[in-house]
PDB file of N, CA and C in Angstrom:
ATOM      1  N   MET A   1      60.276-144.458 161.560  1.00  0.00           N
ATOM      2  CA  MET A   1      61.440-145.069 161.427  1.00  0.00           C
ATOM      3  C   MET A   1      62.266-144.996 162.861  1.00  0.00           C
ATOM      4  N   LEU A   2      62.601-146.205 164.038  1.00  0.00           N
ATOM      5  CA  LEU A   2      63.379-146.125 164.988  1.00  0.00           C
ATOM      6  C   LEU A   2      64.568-146.639 164.823  1.00  0.00           C
ATOM      7  N   ARG A   3      65.584-145.457 165.668  1.00  0.00           N
ATOM      8  CA  ARG A   3      67.039-146.085 165.009  1.00  0.00           C
ATOM      9  C   ARG A   3      67.578-145.849 166.562  1.00  0.00           C
ATOM     10  N   MET A   4      68.434-147.031 167.164  1.00  0.00           N
ATOM     11  CA  MET A   4      68.828-147.324 168.131  1.00  0.00           C
ATOM     12  C   MET A   4      70.120-147.738 168.500  1.00  0.00           C
ATOM     13  N   SER A   5      70.804-147.614 169.040  1.00  0.00           N
ATOM     14  CA  SER A   5      72.057-148.283 169.583  1.00  0.00           C
ATOM     15  C   SER A   5      71.969-149.475 170.659  1.00  0.00           C
ATOM     16  N   VAL A   6      72.227-150.333 169.766  1.00  0.00           N
ATOM     17  CA  VAL A   6      72.021-151.881 171.062  1.00  0.00           C
ATOM     18  C   VAL A   6      73.222-152.560 171.580  1.00  0.00           C
ATOM     19  N   SER A   7      73.273-153.017 172.748  1.00  0.00           N
ATOM     20  CA  SER A   7      74.347-153.759 173.173  1.00  0.00           C
ATOM     21  C   SER A   7      74.486-155.350 172.705  1.00  0.00           C
ATOM     22  N   THR A   8      75.335-155.944 172.519  1.00  0.00           N
ATOM     23  CA  THR A   8      75.520-157.580 172.359  1.00  0.00           C
ATOM     24  C   THR A   8      74.345-157.943 173.245  1.00  0.00           C
ATOM     25  N   GLU A   9      73.776-159.337 172.706  1.00  0.00           N
ATOM     26  CA  GLU A   9      72.737-159.970 173.674  1.00  0.00           C
ATOM     27  C   GLU A   9      71.484-159.327 174.135  1.00  0.00           C
ATOM     28  N   GLU A  10      71.555-157.934 173.495  1.00  0.00           N
ATOM     29  CA  GLU A  10      70.196-157.358 174.108  1.00  0.00           C
ATOM     30  C   GLU A  10      69.044-157.773 172.587  1.00  0.00           C
ATOM     31  N   TYR A  11      67.580-157.802 172.739  1.00  0.00           N
ATOM     32  CA  TYR A  11      66.933-157.955 172.256  1.00  0.00           C
ATOM     33  C   TYR A  11      65.855-156.877 172.044  1.00  0.00           C
ATOM     34  N   LEU A  12      64.999-156.949 171.272  1.00  0.00           N
ATOM     35  CA  LEU A  12      64.038-156.259 170.448  1.00  0.00           C
ATOM     36  C   LEU A  12      62.578-157.108 170.107  1.00  0.00           C
ATOM     37  N   LEU A  13      61.594-156.816 171.195  1.00  0.00           N
ATOM     38  CA  LEU A  13      60.364-157.488 170.630  1.00  0.00           C
ATOM     39  C   LEU A  13      59.502-156.625 169.587  1.00  0.00           C
ATOM     40  N   ILE A  14      59.218-156.954 168.561  1.00  0.00           N
ATOM     41  CA  ILE A  14      58.310-156.540 167.815  1.00  0.00           C
ATOM     42  C   ILE A  14      56.673-157.324 167.798  1.00  0.00           C
ATOM     43  N   GLY A  15      55.893-156.259 168.151  1.00  0.00           N
ATOM     44  CA  GLY A  15      54.303-157.069 168.487  1.00  0.00           C
ATOM     45  C   GLY A  15      54.747-158.173 169.467  1.00  0.00           C
ATOM     46  N   ASP A  16      53.935-158.906 169.326  1.00  0.00           N
ATOM     47  CA  ASP A  16      53.887-160.182 170.565  1.00  0.00           C
ATOM     48  C   ASP A  16      54.604-161.677 170.162  1.00  0.00           C
ATOM     49  N   HIS A  17      55.025-161.162 168.698  1.00  0.00           N
ATOM     50  CA  HIS A  17      55.281-162.678 168.140  1.00  0.00           C
ATOM     51  C   HIS A  17      56.861-162.352 167.497  1.00  0.00           C
ATOM     52  N   VAL A  18      57.676-161.511 167.423  1.00  0.00           N
ATOM     53  CA  VAL A  18      58.923-161.744 167.135  1.00  0.00           C
ATOM     54  C   VAL A  18      59.803-160.800 167.884  1.00  0.00           C
ATOM     55  N   LYS A  19      61.067-161.571 167.819  1.00  0.00           N
ATOM     56  CA  LYS A  19      62.079-160.856 168.715  1.00  0.00           C
ATOM     57  C   LYS A  19      63.332-161.340 167.810  1.00  0.00           C
ATOM     58  N   LEU A  20      64.226-160.035 168.025  1.00  0.00           N
ATOM     59  CA  LEU A  20      65.364-159.702 167.242  1.00  0.00           C
ATOM     60  C   LEU A  20      66.165-159.687 168.446  1.00  0.00           C
ATOM     61  N   VAL A  21      67.465-160.747 168.366  1.00  0.00           N
ATOM     62  CA  VAL A  21      68.487-160.507 169.351  1.00  0.00           C
ATOM     63  C   VAL A  21      69.733-160.339 168.689  1.00  0.00           C
ATOM     64  N   PHE A  22      70.121-158.830 169.299  1.00  0.00           N
ATOM     65  CA  PHE A  22      71.943-159.142 168.562  1.00  0.00           C
ATOM     66  C   PHE A  22      72.832-159.911 169.582  1.00  0.00           C
ATOM     67  N   LEU A  23      73.767-160.224 168.540  1.00  0.00           N
ATOM     68  CA  LEU A  23      74.382-161.431 168.871  1.00  0.00           C
ATOM     69  C   LEU A  23      76.178-160.750 168.961  1.00  0.00           C
ATOM     70  N   GLY A  24      76.115-159.624 168.340  1.00  0.00           N
ATOM     71  CA  GLY A  24      77.399-159.100 167.923  1.00  0.00           C
ATOM     72  C   GLY A  24      77.882-159.093 166.647  1.00  0.00           C
ATOM     73  N   GLY A  25      79.449-158.832 166.936  1.00  0.00           N
ATOM     74  CA  GLY A  25      79.888-158.547 165.358  1.00  0.00           C
ATOM     75  C   GLY A  25      81.066-158.427 165.338  1.00  0.00           C
ATOM     76  N   SER A  26      81.647-157.940 164.197  1.00  0.00           N
ATOM     77  CA  SER A  26      82.902-157.316 163.831  1.00  0.00           C
ATOM     78  C   SER A  26      83.242-156.735 162.474  1.00  0.00           C
ATOM     79  N   GLY A  27      83.789-155.431 162.620  1.00  0.00           N
ATOM     80  CA  GLY A  27      83.990-154.717 161.267  1.00  0.00           C
ATOM     81  C   GLY A  27      82.674-154.037 161.104  1.00  0.00           C
ATOM     82  N   ASN A  28      82.252-154.242 159.790  1.00  0.00           N
ATOM     83  CA  ASN A  28      80.839-153.739 159.183  1.00  0.00           C
ATOM     84  C   ASN A  28      79.705-155.118 159.415  1.00  0.00           C
ATOM     85  N   HIS A  29      79.903-156.348 159.976  1.00  0.00           N
ATOM     86  CA  HIS A  29      79.189-157.050 160.161  1.00  0.00           C
ATOM     87  C   HIS A  29      78.457-157.323 161.552  1.00  0.00           C
ATOM     88  N   MET A  30      76.788-157.594 161.461  1.00  0.00           N
ATOM     89  CA  MET A  30      76.545-157.594 162.997  1.00  0.00           C
ATOM     90  C   MET A  30      75.615-159.036 162.566  1.00  0.00           C
ATOM     91  N   ARG A  31      75.565-159.680 163.622  1.00  0.00           N
ATOM     92  CA  ARG A  31      74.959-161.040 163.604  1.00  0.00           C
ATOM     93  C   ARG A  31      74.069-160.911 164.531  1.00  0.00           C
ATOM     94  N   ILE A  32      72.424-161.132 163.968  1.00  0.00           N
ATOM     95  CA  ILE A  32      70.929-161.103 164.851  1.00  0.00           C
ATOM     96  C   ILE A  32      70.424-162.627 164.718  1.00  0.00           C
ATOM     97  N   MET A  33      69.622-162.895 165.635  1.00  0.00           N
ATOM     98  CA  MET A  33      68.866-163.784 165.391  1.00  0.00           C
ATOM     99  C   MET A  33      67.518-163.394 165.529  1.00  0.00           C
ATOM    100  N   ILE A  34      66.376-163.961 164.711  1.00  0.00           N
ATOM    101  CA  ILE A  34      65.288-163.598 164.256  1.00  0.00           C
ATOM    102  C   ILE A  34      64.429-164.820 164.867  1.00  0.00           C
ATOM    103  N   GLU A  35      63.700-164.719 166.037  1.00  0.00           N
ATOM    104  CA  GLU A  35      62.452-165.661 166.406  1.00  0.00           C
ATOM    105  C   GLU A  35      61.168-165.336 165.954  1.00  0.00           C
ATOM    106  N   ALA A  36      60.545-166.035 165.193  1.00  0.00           N
ATOM    107  CA  ALA A  36      59.269-165.477 164.311  1.00  0.00           C
ATOM    108  C   ALA A  36      58.446-166.910 164.019  1.00  0.00           C
ATOM    109  N   PRO A  37      56.906-166.412 164.335  1.00  0.00           N
ATOM    110  CA  PRO A  37      56.421-167.584 163.990  1.00  0.00           C
ATOM    111  C   PRO A  37      56.321-167.983 162.111  1.00  0.00           C
ATOM    112  N   LYS A  38      56.299-169.026 161.649  1.00  0.00           N
ATOM    113  CA  LYS A  38      56.389-169.208 160.535  1.00  0.00           C
ATOM    114  C   LYS A  38      55.658-168.690 159.197  1.00  0.00           C
ATOM    115  N   GLU A  39      54.604-168.131 159.747  1.00  0.00           N
ATOM    116  CA  GLU A  39      53.332-167.497 158.979  1.00  0.00           C
ATOM    117  C   GLU A  39      54.275-165.995 158.505  1.00  0.00           C
ATOM    118  N   VAL A  40      55.169-165.628 159.315  1.00  0.00           N
ATOM    119  CA  VAL A  40      55.815-164.390 158.936  1.00  0.00           C
ATOM    120  C   VAL A  40      57.110-164.304 157.869  1.00  0.00           C
ATOM    121  N   ASN A  41      57.205-163.452 156.953  1.00  0.00           N
ATOM    122  CA  ASN A  41      57.978-163.587 156.081  1.00  0.00           C
ATOM    123  C   ASN A  41      59.201-162.684 156.180  1.00  0.00           C
ATOM    124  N   ILE A  42      60.593-163.549 156.219  1.00  0.00           N
ATOM    125  CA  ILE A  42      61.611-162.818 156.575  1.00  0.00           C
ATOM    126  C   ILE A  42      62.348-162.766 155.364  1.00  0.00           C
ATOM    127  N   ILE A  43      62.769-161.428 154.724  1.00  0.00           N
ATOM    128  CA  ILE A  43      63.590-161.845 153.501  1.00  0.00           C
ATOM    129  C   ILE A  43      64.965-160.814 153.389  1.00  0.00           C
ATOM    130  N   ARG A  44      65.932-161.187 153.245  1.00  0.00           N
ATOM    131  CA  ARG A  44      67.321-160.152 153.189  1.00  0.00           C
ATOM    132  C   ARG A  44      67.031-159.257 151.925  1.00  0.00           C
ATOM    133  N   SER A  45      67.490-158.061 152.705  1.00  0.00           N
ATOM    134  CA  SER A  45      67.390-157.181 150.757  1.00  0.00           C
ATOM    135  C   SER A  45      68.040-157.609 149.768  1.00  0.00           C
ATOM    136  N   LYS A  46      69.516-158.169 150.124  1.00  0.00           N
ATOM    137  CA  LYS A  46      69.876-158.445 148.816  1.00  0.00           C
ATOM    138  C   LYS A  46      69.338-159.693 148.068  1.00  0.00           C
ATOM    139  N   VAL A  47      68.567-160.458 148.884  1.00  0.00           N
ATOM    140  CA  VAL A  47      67.838-161.488 148.050  1.00  0.00           C
ATOM    141  C   VAL A  47      66.683-160.604 147.155  1.00  0.00           C
ATOM    142  N   LEU A  48      66.022-159.716 147.848  1.00  0.00           N
ATOM    143  CA  LEU A  48      64.961-159.190 147.407  1.00  0.00           C
ATOM    144  C   LEU A  48      65.439-158.601 146.152  1.00  0.00           C
ATOM    145  N   GLU A  49      66.758-157.419 146.065  1.00  0.00           N
ATOM    146  CA  GLU A  49      66.820-156.780 144.886  1.00  0.00           C
ATOM    147  C   GLU A  49      67.590-158.135 143.812  1.00  0.00           C
ATOM    148  N   LYS A  50      67.676-158.959 144.228  1.00  0.00           N
ATOM    149  CA  LYS A  50      68.326-159.663 143.069  1.00  0.00           C
ATOM    150  C   LYS A  50      67.011-160.385 142.404  1.00  0.00           C
ATOM    151  N   LYS A  51      65.957-160.543 143.003  1.00  0.00           N
ATOM    152  CA  LYS A  51      64.469-161.093 142.498  1.00  0.00           C
ATOM    153  C   LYS A  51      64.130-160.171 141.399  1.00  0.00           C
ATOM    154  N   ILE A  52      64.081-158.903 141.875  1.00  0.00           N
ATOM    155  CA  ILE A  52      62.950-157.743 141.264  1.00  0.00           C
ATOM    156  C   ILE A  52      64.058-157.406 140.145  1.00  0.00           C
ATOM    157  N   THR A  53      63.637-157.364 138.992  1.00  0.00           N
ATOM    158  CA  THR A  53      64.102-157.406 137.641  1.00  0.00           C
ATOM    159  C   THR A  53      63.846-156.045 137.011  1.00  0.00           C
ATOM    160  N   ASP A  54      62.739-155.271 137.402  1.00  0.00           N
ATOM    161  CA  ASP A  54      62.280-154.129 136.937  1.00  0.00           C
ATOM    162  C   ASP A  54      63.004-153.099 137.592  1.00  0.00           C
ATOM    163  N   PRO A  55      63.397-152.101 136.597  1.00  0.00           N
ATOM    164  CA  PRO A  55      64.384-151.087 137.086  1.00  0.00           C
ATOM    165  C   PRO A  55      63.540-150.232 138.226  1.00  0.00           C
ATOM    166  N   GLU A  56      62.246-150.029 137.713  1.00  0.00           N
ATOM    167  CA  GLU A  56      61.285-148.795 138.463  1.00  0.00           C
ATOM    168  C   GLU A  56      61.066-149.358 139.662  1.00  0.00           C
ATOM    169  N   GLU A  57      60.576-150.728 139.428  1.00  0.00           N
ATOM    170  CA  GLU A  57      60.275-151.571 140.950  1.00  0.00           C
ATOM    171  C   GLU A  57      61.583-151.468 141.809  1.00  0.00           C
ATOM    172  N   LYS A  58      62.796-151.749 141.274  1.00  0.00           N
ATOM    173  CA  LYS A  58      63.973-151.756 142.371  1.00  0.00           C
ATOM    174  C   LYS A  58      64.149-150.333 142.711  1.00  0.00           C
ATOM    175  N   ALA A  59      63.682-149.079 142.105  1.00  0.00           N
ATOM    176  CA  ALA A  59      63.863-147.956 142.738  1.00  0.00           C
ATOM    177  C   ALA A  59      63.101-147.560 143.582  1.00  0.00           C
ATOM    178  N   ARG A  60      61.912-148.343 143.895  1.00  0.00           N
ATOM    179  CA  ARG A  60      61.005-147.828 145.118  1.00  0.00           C
ATOM    180  C   ARG A  60      61.383-148.522 146.374  1.00  0.00           C
ATOM    181  N   LEU A  61      62.206-149.375 146.127  1.00  0.00           N
ATOM    182  CA  LEU A  61      62.878-150.115 147.353  1.00  0.00           C
ATOM    183  C   LEU A  61      63.775-149.242 148.495  1.00  0.00           C
ATOM    184  N   PRO A  62      63.427-149.349 149.749  1.00  0.00           N
ATOM    185  CA  PRO A  62      63.686-148.335 150.732  1.00  0.00           C
ATOM    186  C   PRO A  62      65.388-148.688 150.588  1.00  0.00           C
ATOM    187  N   LYS A  63      66.078-147.755 150.817  1.00  0.00           N
ATOM    188  CA  LYS A  63      67.729-147.392 150.985  1.00  0.00           C
ATOM    189  C   LYS A  63      68.107-147.062 152.017  1.00  0.00           C
ATOM    190  N   TYR A  64      69.114-147.344 152.623  1.00  0.00           N
ATOM    191  CA  TYR A  64      69.700-147.174 154.122  1.00  0.00           C
ATOM    192  C   TYR A  64      71.126-147.062 153.634  1.00  0.00           C
ATOM    193  N   TYR A  65      71.565-145.713 154.183  1.00  0.00           N
ATOM    194  CA  TYR A  65      73.179-146.063 154.229  1.00  0.00           C
ATOM    195  C   TYR A  65      73.644-145.541 155.606  1.00  0.00           C
ATOM    196  N   ARG A  66      74.904-145.937 155.826  1.00  0.00           N
ATOM    197  CA  ARG A  66      75.776-146.285 156.986  1.00  0.00           C
ATOM    198  C   ARG A  66      75.797-144.158 157.296  1.00  0.00           C
ATOM    199  N   GLU A  67      75.687-144.145 158.540  1.00  0.00           N
ATOM    200  CA  GLU A  67      75.806-143.063 159.075  1.00  0.00           C
ATOM    201  C   GLU A  67      77.278-142.320 159.229  1.00  0.00           C
ATOM    202  N   GLU A  68      77.609-141.301 158.967  1.00  0.00           N
ATOM    203  CA  GLU A  68      79.012-140.757 158.932  1.00  0.00           C
ATOM    204  C   GLU A  68      79.310-140.486 160.270  1.00  0.00           C
ATOM    205  N   GLU A  69      80.598-140.238 160.669  1.00  0.00           N
ATOM    206  CA  GLU A  69      80.986-140.251 161.993  1.00  0.00           C
ATOM    207  C   GLU A  69      80.562-138.815 162.671  1.00  0.00           C
ATOM    208  N   LYS A  70      80.124-138.715 163.864  1.00  0.00           N
ATOM    209  CA  LYS A  70      79.703-137.768 164.109  1.00  0.00           C
ATOM    210  C   LYS A  70      80.923-136.626 164.480  1.00  0.00           C
ATOM    211  N   PRO A  71      80.459-135.219 164.368  1.00  0.00           N
ATOM    212  CA  PRO A  71      80.924-134.029 164.541  1.00  0.00           C
ATOM    213  C   PRO A  71      82.045-133.996 165.743  1.00  0.00           C
ATOM    214  N   GLU A  72      83.236-133.491 165.587  1.00  0.00           N
ATOM    215  CA  GLU A  72      84.046-133.466 166.644  1.00  0.00           C
ATOM    216  C   GLU A  72      83.620-132.948 167.696  1.00  0.00           C
ATOM    217  N   LYS A  73      82.562-131.986 167.524  1.00  0.00           N
ATOM    218  CA  LYS A  73      81.922-131.213 168.943  1.00  0.00           C
ATOM    219  C   LYS A  73      81.019-132.336 169.662  1.00  0.00           C
ATOM    220  N   TYR A  74      80.345-133.170 168.921  1.00  0.00           N
ATOM    221  CA  TYR A  74      79.615-134.146 169.902  1.00  0.00           C
ATOM    222  C   TYR A  74      80.215-135.638 170.288  1.00  0.00           C
ATOM    223  N   LYS A  75      81.890-135.379 170.004  1.00  0.00           N
ATOM    224  CA  LYS A  75      82.517-136.773 170.566  1.00  0.00           C
ATOM    225  C   LYS A  75      82.855-136.428 172.154  1.00  0.00           C
ATOM    226  N   LYS A  76      82.739-137.389 173.066  1.00  0.00           N
ATOM    227  CA  LYS A  76      83.429-137.362 174.208  1.00  0.00           C
ATOM    228  C   LYS A  76      84.777-136.717 174.268  1.00  0.00           C
ATOM    229  N   LYS A  77      85.450-135.700 175.174  1.00  0.00           N
ATOM    230  CA  LYS A  77      86.344-135.731 175.138  1.00  0.00           C
ATOM    231  C   LYS A  77      87.088-135.977 176.144  1.00  0.00           C
ATOM    232  N   ARG A  78      88.256-136.844 175.948  1.00  0.00           N
ATOM    233  CA  ARG A  78      88.907-137.716 176.944  1.00  0.00           C
ATOM    234  C   ARG A  78      90.066-136.761 177.647  1.00  0.00           C
ATOM    235  N   ILE A  79      90.110-136.510 178.867  1.00  0.00           N
ATOM    236  CA  ILE A  79      90.589-136.295 180.194  1.00  0.00           C
ATOM    237  C   ILE A  79      92.164-136.854 180.106  1.00  0.00           C
ATOM    238  N   SER A  80      92.883-136.440 180.308  1.00  0.00           N
ATOM    239  CA  SER A  80      94.134-137.152 180.406  1.00  0.00           C
ATOM    240  C   SER A  80      94.815-136.528 181.792  1.00  0.00           C
ATOM    241  N   ILE A  81      95.142-136.965 182.806  1.00  0.00           N
ATOM    242  CA  ILE A  81      95.681-136.459 184.262  1.00  0.00           C
ATOM    243  C   ILE A  81      97.183-136.639 184.271  1.00  0.00           C
ATOM    244  N   VAL A  82      97.850-135.653 184.148  1.00  0.00           N
ATOM    245  CA  VAL A  82      98.985-135.267 184.410  1.00  0.00           C
ATOM    246  C   VAL A  82      99.420-135.623 186.133  1.00  0.00           C
ATOM    247  N   ARG A  83      99.997-136.291 186.247  1.00  0.00           N
ATOM    248  CA  ARG A  83     100.510-135.946 188.003  1.00  0.00           C
ATOM    249  C   ARG A  83     101.811-135.480 187.953  1.00  0.00           C
ATOM    250  N   ASN A  84     102.249-134.072 188.869  1.00  0.00           N
ATOM    251  CA  ASN A  84     103.531-133.773 188.702  1.00  0.00           C
ATOM    252  C   ASN A  84     103.954-134.150 190.112  1.00  0.00           C
ATOM    253  N   GLU A  85     105.132-135.037 190.614  1.00  0.00           N
ATOM    254  CA  GLU A  85     105.794-135.319 191.615  1.00  0.00           C
ATOM    255  C   GLU A  85     106.819-134.448 192.125  1.00  0.00           C
ATOM    256  N   LYS A  86     106.920-134.258 193.084  1.00  0.00           N
ATOM    257  CA  LYS A  86     108.128-132.858 193.473  1.00  0.00           C
ATOM    258  C   LYS A  86     109.160-134.054 194.180  1.00  0.00           C
ATOM    259  N   THR A  87     109.992-133.716 193.647  1.00  0.00           N
ATOM    260  CA  THR A  87     111.328-134.513 193.865  1.00  0.00           C
ATOM    261  C   THR A  87     111.947-133.984 195.131  1.00  0.00           C
ATOM    262  N   ARG A  88     112.445-134.714 196.022  1.00  0.00           N
ATOM    263  CA  ARG A  88     113.107-134.256 197.220  1.00  0.00           C
ATOM    264  C   ARG A  88     114.566-133.754 197.069  1.00  0.00           C
TER     265      ARG A  88
END
């Protein structure tokens, strides 16, 4: 599994025929555009989960969860510069 951060309007090529374009988003929503041949099946996970009624088969579907915030030690520290001006 590959995990990466992308910028708006950046794209990924999968093989020679599939292109994913990240259009941006807000909050917990991301908009993407998928360019692929008609022969490639693209199905959204929510639709797939609704179609499957067998609990055992549903349990075998991959699950992905949002990553927790980074621990404090990995966050960039913001440095604020305070200038002392001498008064005459």
